[in-house]
N, C-alpha and C. Protein backbone atom coordinates (compact mmCIF):
# COMPACT_ATOMS: atom_id res chain seq x y z
N MET A 1 5.81 -11.19 -0.20
CA MET A 1 5.60 -12.12 0.86
C MET A 1 6.90 -12.30 1.62
N GLY A 2 6.79 -12.80 2.82
CA GLY A 2 7.99 -12.94 3.62
C GLY A 2 8.30 -14.38 3.91
N ALA A 3 9.53 -14.60 4.27
CA ALA A 3 9.92 -15.93 4.72
C ALA A 3 9.30 -16.14 6.09
N THR A 4 9.17 -17.39 6.48
CA THR A 4 8.61 -17.64 7.79
C THR A 4 9.53 -17.09 8.85
N ILE A 5 9.01 -16.89 10.03
CA ILE A 5 9.82 -16.39 11.13
C ILE A 5 10.99 -17.32 11.36
N GLU A 6 10.73 -18.62 11.34
CA GLU A 6 11.80 -19.58 11.57
C GLU A 6 12.88 -19.46 10.50
N SER A 7 12.49 -19.36 9.24
CA SER A 7 13.50 -19.30 8.19
C SER A 7 14.25 -17.98 8.22
N MET A 8 13.60 -16.89 8.62
CA MET A 8 14.31 -15.63 8.75
C MET A 8 15.33 -15.71 9.88
N GLU A 9 14.97 -16.38 10.99
CA GLU A 9 15.92 -16.54 12.08
C GLU A 9 17.10 -17.39 11.61
N ASP A 10 16.81 -18.45 10.85
CA ASP A 10 17.89 -19.28 10.32
C ASP A 10 18.81 -18.44 9.44
N ALA A 11 18.21 -17.59 8.61
CA ALA A 11 19.00 -16.78 7.69
C ALA A 11 19.86 -15.77 8.43
N THR A 12 19.38 -15.27 9.57
CA THR A 12 20.17 -14.29 10.29
C THR A 12 21.25 -14.91 11.16
N ARG A 13 21.13 -16.20 11.47
CA ARG A 13 22.16 -16.86 12.28
C ARG A 13 23.40 -17.16 11.46
N THR A 14 23.22 -17.41 10.18
CA THR A 14 24.36 -17.72 9.33
C THR A 14 24.33 -16.80 8.13
N SER A 15 25.48 -16.54 7.59
CA SER A 15 25.56 -15.64 6.45
C SER A 15 26.17 -16.36 5.27
N ALA A 16 25.53 -16.22 4.13
CA ALA A 16 26.07 -16.81 2.91
C ALA A 16 27.26 -16.01 2.41
N ARG A 17 27.38 -14.73 2.82
CA ARG A 17 28.45 -13.87 2.33
C ARG A 17 29.08 -13.10 3.49
N PRO A 18 29.89 -13.77 4.33
CA PRO A 18 30.51 -13.06 5.45
C PRO A 18 31.42 -11.93 4.99
N ASP A 19 31.94 -12.01 3.77
CA ASP A 19 32.80 -10.94 3.26
C ASP A 19 32.03 -9.64 3.13
N LEU A 20 30.75 -9.73 2.80
CA LEU A 20 29.91 -8.55 2.68
C LEU A 20 29.70 -7.91 4.03
N ALA A 21 29.45 -8.74 5.06
CA ALA A 21 29.22 -8.21 6.40
C ALA A 21 30.46 -7.50 6.91
N ALA A 22 31.62 -8.08 6.65
CA ALA A 22 32.85 -7.47 7.15
C ALA A 22 33.14 -6.16 6.45
N SER A 23 32.92 -6.09 5.14
CA SER A 23 33.26 -4.88 4.41
C SER A 23 32.27 -3.75 4.63
N SER A 24 31.03 -4.10 4.93
CA SER A 24 30.03 -3.04 5.09
C SER A 24 29.87 -2.59 6.52
N GLY A 25 30.48 -3.30 7.46
CA GLY A 25 30.35 -2.93 8.85
C GLY A 25 29.06 -3.42 9.47
N THR A 26 28.29 -4.23 8.75
CA THR A 26 27.05 -4.78 9.29
C THR A 26 27.32 -6.15 9.86
N THR A 27 26.35 -6.66 10.60
CA THR A 27 26.48 -8.00 11.13
C THR A 27 26.13 -9.00 10.06
N SER A 28 26.36 -10.26 10.35
CA SER A 28 26.03 -11.29 9.38
C SER A 28 24.53 -11.38 9.16
N ALA A 29 23.72 -10.83 10.07
CA ALA A 29 22.27 -10.86 9.89
C ALA A 29 21.87 -10.13 8.62
N GLY A 30 22.50 -9.00 8.33
CA GLY A 30 22.16 -8.24 7.14
C GLY A 30 22.59 -8.96 5.88
N ALA A 31 23.73 -9.62 5.93
CA ALA A 31 24.24 -10.30 4.76
C ALA A 31 23.40 -11.52 4.42
N GLY A 32 22.85 -12.21 5.40
CA GLY A 32 22.07 -13.41 5.16
C GLY A 32 20.78 -13.14 4.41
N ALA A 33 20.32 -11.92 4.41
CA ALA A 33 19.07 -11.59 3.73
C ALA A 33 19.30 -11.05 2.33
N THR A 34 20.51 -11.09 1.83
CA THR A 34 20.81 -10.58 0.50
C THR A 34 20.35 -11.57 -0.56
N ILE A 35 19.58 -11.07 -1.50
CA ILE A 35 19.09 -11.89 -2.60
C ILE A 35 20.15 -11.90 -3.70
N ARG A 36 20.50 -13.07 -4.18
CA ARG A 36 21.53 -13.22 -5.20
C ARG A 36 20.96 -12.87 -6.57
N MET A 37 21.71 -12.13 -7.35
CA MET A 37 21.34 -11.82 -8.73
C MET A 37 21.81 -12.97 -9.60
N ALA A 38 21.00 -13.38 -10.56
CA ALA A 38 21.34 -14.52 -11.41
C ALA A 38 21.37 -14.12 -12.87
N GLY A 39 22.20 -14.82 -13.62
CA GLY A 39 22.28 -14.62 -15.06
C GLY A 39 22.66 -13.21 -15.44
N ARG A 40 21.90 -12.63 -16.37
CA ARG A 40 22.21 -11.29 -16.87
C ARG A 40 21.96 -10.19 -15.84
N LEU A 41 21.38 -10.54 -14.69
CA LEU A 41 21.14 -9.54 -13.65
C LEU A 41 22.35 -9.34 -12.74
N GLU A 42 23.38 -10.15 -12.92
CA GLU A 42 24.62 -10.00 -12.16
C GLU A 42 25.61 -9.26 -13.03
N PRO A 43 26.20 -8.17 -12.65
CA PRO A 43 26.09 -7.53 -11.35
C PRO A 43 24.87 -6.62 -11.27
N ARG A 44 24.43 -6.33 -10.06
CA ARG A 44 23.25 -5.50 -9.85
C ARG A 44 23.43 -4.13 -10.49
N SER A 45 24.61 -3.59 -10.47
CA SER A 45 24.84 -2.26 -11.03
C SER A 45 24.72 -2.23 -12.55
N GLY A 46 24.58 -3.39 -13.19
CA GLY A 46 24.53 -3.45 -14.64
C GLY A 46 23.16 -3.31 -15.25
N TRP A 47 22.12 -3.09 -14.45
CA TRP A 47 20.78 -2.96 -15.02
C TRP A 47 19.93 -2.05 -14.14
N ALA A 48 18.93 -1.46 -14.77
CA ALA A 48 18.00 -0.58 -14.06
C ALA A 48 16.78 -1.40 -13.64
N ALA A 49 16.22 -1.07 -12.52
CA ALA A 49 15.07 -1.80 -12.00
C ALA A 49 13.76 -1.27 -12.59
N ASP A 50 13.75 -1.10 -13.92
CA ASP A 50 12.51 -0.70 -14.60
C ASP A 50 11.50 -1.84 -14.48
N HIS A 51 10.25 -1.52 -14.43
CA HIS A 51 9.19 -2.51 -14.32
C HIS A 51 9.35 -3.37 -13.07
N CYS A 52 9.76 -2.76 -11.98
CA CYS A 52 9.96 -3.48 -10.72
C CYS A 52 8.60 -3.91 -10.17
N PRO A 53 8.38 -5.20 -9.95
CA PRO A 53 7.09 -5.66 -9.45
C PRO A 53 6.80 -5.20 -8.03
N ILE A 54 7.84 -4.99 -7.23
CA ILE A 54 7.64 -4.50 -5.86
C ILE A 54 7.09 -3.08 -5.91
N LEU A 55 7.75 -2.23 -6.67
CA LEU A 55 7.30 -0.83 -6.76
C LEU A 55 5.96 -0.71 -7.49
N ALA A 56 5.70 -1.60 -8.44
CA ALA A 56 4.40 -1.59 -9.12
C ALA A 56 3.28 -1.90 -8.12
N GLY A 57 3.52 -2.85 -7.24
CA GLY A 57 2.53 -3.18 -6.21
C GLY A 57 2.35 -2.06 -5.21
N VAL A 58 3.46 -1.46 -4.79
CA VAL A 58 3.39 -0.37 -3.83
C VAL A 58 2.66 0.83 -4.44
N ALA A 59 2.81 1.04 -5.73
CA ALA A 59 2.12 2.16 -6.39
C ALA A 59 0.61 2.02 -6.29
N VAL A 60 0.12 0.80 -6.20
CA VAL A 60 -1.32 0.57 -6.12
C VAL A 60 -1.81 0.64 -4.67
N VAL A 61 -1.09 0.03 -3.75
CA VAL A 61 -1.59 -0.08 -2.37
C VAL A 61 -0.63 0.54 -1.36
N GLY A 62 0.13 1.53 -1.77
CA GLY A 62 1.20 2.05 -0.93
C GLY A 62 0.82 3.05 0.13
N THR A 63 -0.45 3.22 0.43
CA THR A 63 -0.82 4.16 1.50
C THR A 63 -1.40 3.40 2.68
N ARG A 64 -1.25 3.98 3.84
CA ARG A 64 -1.81 3.38 5.05
C ARG A 64 -3.32 3.21 4.90
N SER A 65 -3.99 4.20 4.33
CA SER A 65 -5.44 4.13 4.20
C SER A 65 -5.87 3.04 3.23
N ALA A 66 -5.10 2.80 2.16
CA ALA A 66 -5.44 1.72 1.24
C ALA A 66 -5.33 0.38 1.95
N PHE A 67 -4.27 0.20 2.75
CA PHE A 67 -4.14 -1.05 3.50
C PHE A 67 -5.25 -1.20 4.52
N ALA A 68 -5.66 -0.11 5.16
CA ALA A 68 -6.75 -0.18 6.14
C ALA A 68 -8.05 -0.59 5.46
N ILE A 69 -8.32 -0.06 4.28
CA ILE A 69 -9.54 -0.42 3.55
C ILE A 69 -9.48 -1.88 3.11
N LEU A 70 -8.35 -2.31 2.58
CA LEU A 70 -8.22 -3.71 2.18
C LEU A 70 -8.38 -4.64 3.39
N ARG A 71 -7.77 -4.27 4.51
CA ARG A 71 -7.91 -5.07 5.73
C ARG A 71 -9.38 -5.21 6.09
N GLU A 72 -10.11 -4.10 6.10
CA GLU A 72 -11.53 -4.15 6.47
C GLU A 72 -12.35 -4.91 5.45
N ALA A 73 -11.98 -4.84 4.17
CA ALA A 73 -12.69 -5.63 3.16
C ALA A 73 -12.49 -7.12 3.43
N PHE A 74 -11.28 -7.53 3.79
CA PHE A 74 -11.03 -8.93 4.14
C PHE A 74 -11.78 -9.31 5.42
N TYR A 75 -11.98 -8.36 6.31
CA TYR A 75 -12.72 -8.63 7.56
C TYR A 75 -14.24 -8.58 7.36
N GLY A 76 -14.68 -8.26 6.14
CA GLY A 76 -16.11 -8.32 5.84
C GLY A 76 -16.80 -7.00 5.56
N ALA A 77 -16.12 -5.89 5.71
CA ALA A 77 -16.74 -4.59 5.41
C ALA A 77 -17.02 -4.49 3.92
N SER A 78 -18.12 -3.85 3.57
CA SER A 78 -18.44 -3.67 2.16
C SER A 78 -19.05 -2.30 1.87
N ARG A 79 -19.41 -1.58 2.89
CA ARG A 79 -20.08 -0.29 2.69
C ARG A 79 -19.20 0.87 3.11
N PHE A 80 -19.40 1.97 2.43
CA PHE A 80 -18.60 3.18 2.66
C PHE A 80 -18.49 3.51 4.14
N GLU A 81 -19.63 3.59 4.83
CA GLU A 81 -19.62 3.99 6.24
C GLU A 81 -18.86 2.99 7.13
N GLN A 82 -18.82 1.72 6.72
CA GLN A 82 -18.03 0.73 7.46
C GLN A 82 -16.54 1.01 7.31
N PHE A 83 -16.12 1.34 6.11
CA PHE A 83 -14.71 1.64 5.89
C PHE A 83 -14.29 2.89 6.67
N VAL A 84 -15.18 3.87 6.78
CA VAL A 84 -14.89 5.08 7.54
C VAL A 84 -14.74 4.75 9.02
N SER A 85 -15.74 4.09 9.59
CA SER A 85 -15.71 3.86 11.04
C SER A 85 -14.71 2.78 11.45
N LEU A 86 -14.71 1.65 10.78
CA LEU A 86 -13.81 0.56 11.17
C LEU A 86 -12.36 0.85 10.82
N GLY A 87 -12.15 1.55 9.70
CA GLY A 87 -10.79 1.90 9.30
C GLY A 87 -10.26 3.14 10.00
N GLN A 88 -11.15 3.82 10.74
CA GLN A 88 -10.80 5.06 11.44
C GLN A 88 -10.19 6.07 10.48
N LEU A 89 -10.91 6.26 9.36
CA LEU A 89 -10.46 7.15 8.31
C LEU A 89 -11.52 8.20 8.05
N SER A 90 -11.12 9.32 7.49
CA SER A 90 -12.10 10.37 7.16
C SER A 90 -12.86 9.99 5.89
N GLU A 91 -14.03 10.57 5.74
CA GLU A 91 -14.85 10.30 4.54
C GLU A 91 -14.13 10.67 3.25
N PRO A 92 -13.47 11.85 3.16
CA PRO A 92 -12.77 12.17 1.91
C PRO A 92 -11.66 11.17 1.58
N VAL A 93 -10.94 10.71 2.60
CA VAL A 93 -9.86 9.75 2.37
C VAL A 93 -10.44 8.42 1.89
N VAL A 94 -11.50 7.95 2.53
CA VAL A 94 -12.13 6.69 2.11
C VAL A 94 -12.66 6.81 0.69
N ALA A 95 -13.30 7.91 0.37
CA ALA A 95 -13.83 8.10 -0.99
C ALA A 95 -12.71 8.04 -2.02
N ALA A 96 -11.60 8.71 -1.74
CA ALA A 96 -10.48 8.72 -2.68
C ALA A 96 -9.87 7.32 -2.82
N ARG A 97 -9.64 6.63 -1.70
CA ARG A 97 -9.03 5.29 -1.77
C ARG A 97 -9.96 4.29 -2.43
N LEU A 98 -11.25 4.35 -2.16
CA LEU A 98 -12.19 3.42 -2.82
C LEU A 98 -12.17 3.62 -4.33
N ARG A 99 -12.12 4.88 -4.77
CA ARG A 99 -12.02 5.15 -6.21
C ARG A 99 -10.74 4.54 -6.78
N GLU A 100 -9.62 4.76 -6.09
CA GLU A 100 -8.33 4.24 -6.57
C GLU A 100 -8.30 2.71 -6.58
N LEU A 101 -8.75 2.09 -5.51
CA LEU A 101 -8.72 0.63 -5.41
C LEU A 101 -9.68 -0.01 -6.42
N THR A 102 -10.79 0.67 -6.69
CA THR A 102 -11.73 0.17 -7.70
C THR A 102 -11.13 0.33 -9.10
N ALA A 103 -10.55 1.49 -9.36
CA ALA A 103 -9.92 1.73 -10.68
C ALA A 103 -8.76 0.76 -10.92
N ALA A 104 -8.07 0.38 -9.86
CA ALA A 104 -6.94 -0.56 -9.99
C ALA A 104 -7.40 -2.01 -10.09
N GLY A 105 -8.70 -2.24 -9.93
CA GLY A 105 -9.24 -3.59 -10.07
C GLY A 105 -9.14 -4.46 -8.82
N LEU A 106 -8.85 -3.84 -7.66
CA LEU A 106 -8.78 -4.61 -6.42
C LEU A 106 -10.14 -4.76 -5.76
N LEU A 107 -11.01 -3.79 -6.00
CA LEU A 107 -12.37 -3.82 -5.50
C LEU A 107 -13.33 -3.65 -6.67
N ALA A 108 -14.50 -4.24 -6.54
CA ALA A 108 -15.56 -4.06 -7.53
C ALA A 108 -16.77 -3.50 -6.78
N THR A 109 -17.60 -2.77 -7.49
CA THR A 109 -18.79 -2.21 -6.85
C THR A 109 -20.02 -3.01 -7.24
N GLU A 110 -20.94 -3.07 -6.31
CA GLU A 110 -22.24 -3.69 -6.54
C GLU A 110 -23.30 -2.75 -5.98
N PRO A 111 -24.29 -2.43 -6.77
CA PRO A 111 -25.32 -1.52 -6.25
C PRO A 111 -26.19 -2.21 -5.20
N TYR A 112 -26.59 -1.44 -4.20
CA TYR A 112 -27.57 -1.93 -3.22
C TYR A 112 -28.45 -0.75 -2.85
N ARG A 113 -29.62 -1.07 -2.33
CA ARG A 113 -30.55 -0.01 -1.96
C ARG A 113 -31.33 -0.42 -0.73
N GLU A 114 -31.22 0.37 0.30
CA GLU A 114 -32.02 0.18 1.51
C GLU A 114 -33.41 0.77 1.24
N PRO A 115 -34.46 0.18 1.80
CA PRO A 115 -35.81 0.74 1.59
C PRO A 115 -35.86 2.23 1.95
N GLY A 116 -36.38 3.02 1.04
CA GLY A 116 -36.52 4.45 1.24
C GLY A 116 -35.25 5.25 1.04
N GLN A 117 -34.18 4.61 0.61
CA GLN A 117 -32.89 5.29 0.40
C GLN A 117 -32.51 5.26 -1.07
N ARG A 118 -31.55 6.07 -1.43
CA ARG A 118 -31.04 6.06 -2.80
C ARG A 118 -30.14 4.83 -3.00
N THR A 119 -29.89 4.49 -4.24
CA THR A 119 -29.00 3.39 -4.56
C THR A 119 -27.56 3.79 -4.24
N ARG A 120 -26.86 2.90 -3.58
CA ARG A 120 -25.46 3.13 -3.21
C ARG A 120 -24.61 1.98 -3.70
N SER A 121 -23.30 2.12 -3.53
CA SER A 121 -22.37 1.06 -3.95
C SER A 121 -21.83 0.30 -2.75
N ALA A 122 -21.85 -1.00 -2.86
CA ALA A 122 -21.13 -1.86 -1.93
C ALA A 122 -19.85 -2.26 -2.64
N TYR A 123 -18.83 -2.56 -1.87
CA TYR A 123 -17.52 -2.90 -2.42
C TYR A 123 -17.16 -4.32 -2.01
N ARG A 124 -16.64 -5.08 -2.98
CA ARG A 124 -16.17 -6.43 -2.68
C ARG A 124 -14.82 -6.63 -3.32
N LEU A 125 -14.03 -7.49 -2.71
CA LEU A 125 -12.71 -7.80 -3.26
C LEU A 125 -12.85 -8.59 -4.55
N THR A 126 -12.05 -8.24 -5.52
CA THR A 126 -11.98 -9.00 -6.77
C THR A 126 -10.94 -10.11 -6.57
N GLU A 127 -10.76 -10.93 -7.58
CA GLU A 127 -9.70 -11.94 -7.52
C GLU A 127 -8.35 -11.27 -7.31
N LYS A 128 -8.12 -10.18 -8.03
CA LYS A 128 -6.86 -9.43 -7.91
C LYS A 128 -6.68 -8.93 -6.48
N GLY A 129 -7.74 -8.43 -5.89
CA GLY A 129 -7.68 -7.96 -4.50
C GLY A 129 -7.48 -9.10 -3.52
N ARG A 130 -8.17 -10.21 -3.74
CA ARG A 130 -8.04 -11.37 -2.83
C ARG A 130 -6.63 -11.94 -2.84
N GLU A 131 -5.92 -11.78 -3.96
CA GLU A 131 -4.55 -12.29 -4.03
C GLU A 131 -3.58 -11.50 -3.17
N LEU A 132 -4.04 -10.39 -2.59
CA LEU A 132 -3.20 -9.63 -1.65
C LEU A 132 -3.25 -10.20 -0.24
N LEU A 133 -4.08 -11.19 0.02
CA LEU A 133 -4.18 -11.75 1.37
C LEU A 133 -2.83 -12.17 1.93
N PRO A 134 -1.99 -12.92 1.20
CA PRO A 134 -0.69 -13.28 1.79
C PRO A 134 0.17 -12.06 2.14
N VAL A 135 0.03 -10.98 1.39
CA VAL A 135 0.78 -9.75 1.68
C VAL A 135 0.32 -9.17 3.01
N LEU A 136 -1.00 -9.09 3.21
CA LEU A 136 -1.52 -8.56 4.46
C LEU A 136 -1.18 -9.46 5.65
N VAL A 137 -1.25 -10.77 5.47
CA VAL A 137 -0.88 -11.69 6.55
C VAL A 137 0.61 -11.55 6.87
N ALA A 138 1.44 -11.42 5.84
CA ALA A 138 2.88 -11.24 6.07
C ALA A 138 3.16 -9.93 6.80
N LEU A 139 2.48 -8.85 6.43
CA LEU A 139 2.65 -7.59 7.13
C LEU A 139 2.20 -7.69 8.58
N ALA A 140 1.10 -8.39 8.82
CA ALA A 140 0.63 -8.58 10.20
C ALA A 140 1.63 -9.40 11.00
N GLN A 141 2.14 -10.44 10.40
CA GLN A 141 3.14 -11.29 11.05
C GLN A 141 4.38 -10.47 11.40
N TRP A 142 4.86 -9.69 10.46
CA TRP A 142 6.03 -8.86 10.67
C TRP A 142 5.74 -7.79 11.73
N GLY A 143 4.58 -7.14 11.62
CA GLY A 143 4.20 -6.09 12.57
C GLY A 143 4.09 -6.61 13.99
N ASN A 144 3.51 -7.82 14.15
CA ASN A 144 3.43 -8.40 15.48
C ASN A 144 4.81 -8.66 16.05
N ARG A 145 5.69 -9.17 15.23
CA ARG A 145 7.03 -9.53 15.72
C ARG A 145 7.91 -8.31 15.97
N TRP A 146 7.97 -7.40 15.01
CA TRP A 146 8.96 -6.33 15.08
C TRP A 146 8.43 -5.00 15.60
N GLU A 147 7.17 -4.72 15.49
CA GLU A 147 6.64 -3.43 15.92
C GLU A 147 5.82 -3.52 17.21
N LEU A 148 4.94 -4.50 17.29
CA LEU A 148 4.06 -4.59 18.46
C LEU A 148 4.62 -5.46 19.56
N GLY A 149 5.32 -6.53 19.19
CA GLY A 149 5.93 -7.42 20.19
C GLY A 149 4.93 -7.91 21.22
N ASP A 150 5.23 -7.67 22.50
CA ASP A 150 4.36 -8.11 23.59
C ASP A 150 3.02 -7.39 23.60
N ASP A 151 2.92 -6.26 22.90
CA ASP A 151 1.66 -5.52 22.84
C ASP A 151 0.72 -6.02 21.74
N ALA A 152 1.16 -7.00 20.94
CA ALA A 152 0.31 -7.55 19.87
C ALA A 152 -0.94 -8.18 20.50
N THR A 153 -2.10 -7.88 19.94
CA THR A 153 -3.36 -8.40 20.50
C THR A 153 -4.08 -9.36 19.58
N THR A 154 -3.64 -9.46 18.32
CA THR A 154 -4.31 -10.36 17.38
C THR A 154 -3.27 -11.14 16.59
N GLU A 155 -3.70 -12.27 16.05
CA GLU A 155 -2.90 -13.04 15.12
C GLU A 155 -3.85 -13.85 14.26
N PHE A 156 -3.41 -14.23 13.09
CA PHE A 156 -4.21 -15.09 12.23
C PHE A 156 -4.02 -16.53 12.67
N ALA A 157 -5.11 -17.29 12.67
CA ALA A 157 -5.06 -18.69 13.07
C ALA A 157 -5.87 -19.53 12.11
N HIS A 158 -5.50 -20.79 11.99
CA HIS A 158 -6.22 -21.75 11.15
C HIS A 158 -7.53 -22.12 11.86
N ARG A 159 -8.65 -21.84 11.23
CA ARG A 159 -9.95 -22.07 11.84
C ARG A 159 -10.15 -23.54 12.22
N ASP A 160 -9.63 -24.48 11.42
CA ASP A 160 -9.86 -25.89 11.68
C ASP A 160 -9.08 -26.44 12.86
N CYS A 161 -7.81 -26.04 13.01
CA CYS A 161 -6.99 -26.63 14.08
C CYS A 161 -6.57 -25.63 15.15
N GLY A 162 -6.74 -24.34 14.89
CA GLY A 162 -6.40 -23.33 15.87
C GLY A 162 -4.95 -22.87 15.88
N ALA A 163 -4.09 -23.48 15.07
CA ALA A 163 -2.68 -23.11 15.04
C ALA A 163 -2.51 -21.74 14.37
N PRO A 164 -1.52 -20.95 14.82
CA PRO A 164 -1.25 -19.67 14.17
C PRO A 164 -0.88 -19.88 12.70
N VAL A 165 -1.24 -18.91 11.87
CA VAL A 165 -0.94 -18.95 10.44
C VAL A 165 0.19 -17.97 10.18
N GLY A 166 1.18 -18.42 9.42
CA GLY A 166 2.28 -17.57 9.02
C GLY A 166 2.50 -17.68 7.52
N VAL A 167 3.22 -16.74 6.98
CA VAL A 167 3.53 -16.74 5.56
C VAL A 167 4.97 -17.19 5.39
N GLU A 168 5.18 -18.02 4.41
CA GLU A 168 6.54 -18.47 4.11
C GLU A 168 6.73 -18.52 2.61
N LEU A 169 7.98 -18.52 2.20
CA LEU A 169 8.29 -18.62 0.78
C LEU A 169 8.45 -20.08 0.40
N ARG A 170 7.85 -20.45 -0.71
CA ARG A 170 8.01 -21.79 -1.28
C ARG A 170 8.13 -21.62 -2.79
N CYS A 171 8.96 -22.47 -3.39
CA CYS A 171 9.04 -22.46 -4.85
C CYS A 171 7.82 -23.23 -5.38
N THR A 172 7.60 -23.17 -6.68
CA THR A 172 6.43 -23.84 -7.25
C THR A 172 6.54 -25.36 -7.17
N ALA A 173 7.74 -25.89 -6.89
CA ALA A 173 7.91 -27.33 -6.68
C ALA A 173 7.60 -27.71 -5.23
N GLY A 174 7.31 -26.71 -4.38
CA GLY A 174 6.92 -26.99 -3.01
C GLY A 174 8.02 -26.90 -1.97
N HIS A 175 9.24 -26.57 -2.37
CA HIS A 175 10.34 -26.48 -1.42
C HIS A 175 10.27 -25.17 -0.63
N ARG A 176 10.51 -25.23 0.65
CA ARG A 176 10.61 -24.04 1.47
C ARG A 176 11.90 -23.31 1.09
N VAL A 177 11.82 -21.99 0.94
CA VAL A 177 12.95 -21.19 0.48
C VAL A 177 13.29 -20.15 1.53
N THR A 178 14.53 -20.13 1.98
CA THR A 178 15.00 -19.09 2.90
C THR A 178 15.56 -17.93 2.10
N ALA A 179 15.79 -16.83 2.78
CA ALA A 179 16.33 -15.64 2.09
C ALA A 179 17.66 -15.95 1.42
N GLU A 180 18.49 -16.76 2.06
CA GLU A 180 19.80 -17.05 1.47
C GLU A 180 19.70 -17.98 0.27
N GLN A 181 18.57 -18.61 0.04
CA GLN A 181 18.38 -19.50 -1.10
C GLN A 181 17.66 -18.80 -2.26
N LEU A 182 17.30 -17.56 -2.07
CA LEU A 182 16.51 -16.83 -3.06
C LEU A 182 17.43 -16.14 -4.05
N GLU A 183 17.04 -16.19 -5.33
CA GLU A 183 17.76 -15.44 -6.35
C GLU A 183 16.77 -14.71 -7.24
N LEU A 184 17.23 -13.61 -7.77
CA LEU A 184 16.44 -12.82 -8.71
C LEU A 184 16.98 -13.09 -10.10
N ARG A 185 16.09 -13.45 -11.01
CA ARG A 185 16.50 -13.74 -12.39
C ARG A 185 15.50 -13.11 -13.34
N ARG A 186 15.85 -13.09 -14.59
CA ARG A 186 14.88 -12.63 -15.60
C ARG A 186 13.74 -13.62 -15.60
N ARG A 187 12.54 -13.11 -15.77
CA ARG A 187 11.35 -13.95 -15.74
C ARG A 187 11.33 -14.91 -16.93
N VAL A 188 11.00 -16.13 -16.66
CA VAL A 188 10.87 -17.13 -17.70
C VAL A 188 9.55 -16.88 -18.41
N SER A 189 9.57 -16.83 -19.74
CA SER A 189 8.34 -16.59 -20.49
C SER A 189 7.33 -17.68 -20.21
N ARG A 190 6.07 -17.26 -20.12
CA ARG A 190 4.99 -18.22 -19.83
C ARG A 190 4.03 -18.29 -20.98
């Protein structure tokens, strides 16, 4: 997930580590987004990123076609032919991604049968798949800002009040967290 646009702008205006910006030749904008390593994870060079949750997630949904299928599932598509036409993907690609997303537990199948037709599978998001919604909203938010800019034609909005919806980082105590306030630590056992 990403920090809100406002908090990212705040993070790029000031740098928690100006020494890093000066030594690397980058501006303070790059330094402000550095996540601090905490506890046994400091220094970063002292440990391997085995079991990285970012790479584990990318391994499951790391293709453009997987994101297109998930997007269409969130938009209401459930049938193979919908994923092909709405996702603008080929049938072999959709078949492969649906198998992968189902095997990964992001989609579940439900049989359906049209009168006079054979039984087919409809696809629905599982709880695991639905939990990717903030990721897709964050990617859309980022894509609108940094890739599409003035050419952006859609945005997510709150149905009740009409205000645009954005993704932001918050700790479990409810505090808004900027990039400069974020640290990576060993996971606390639950």
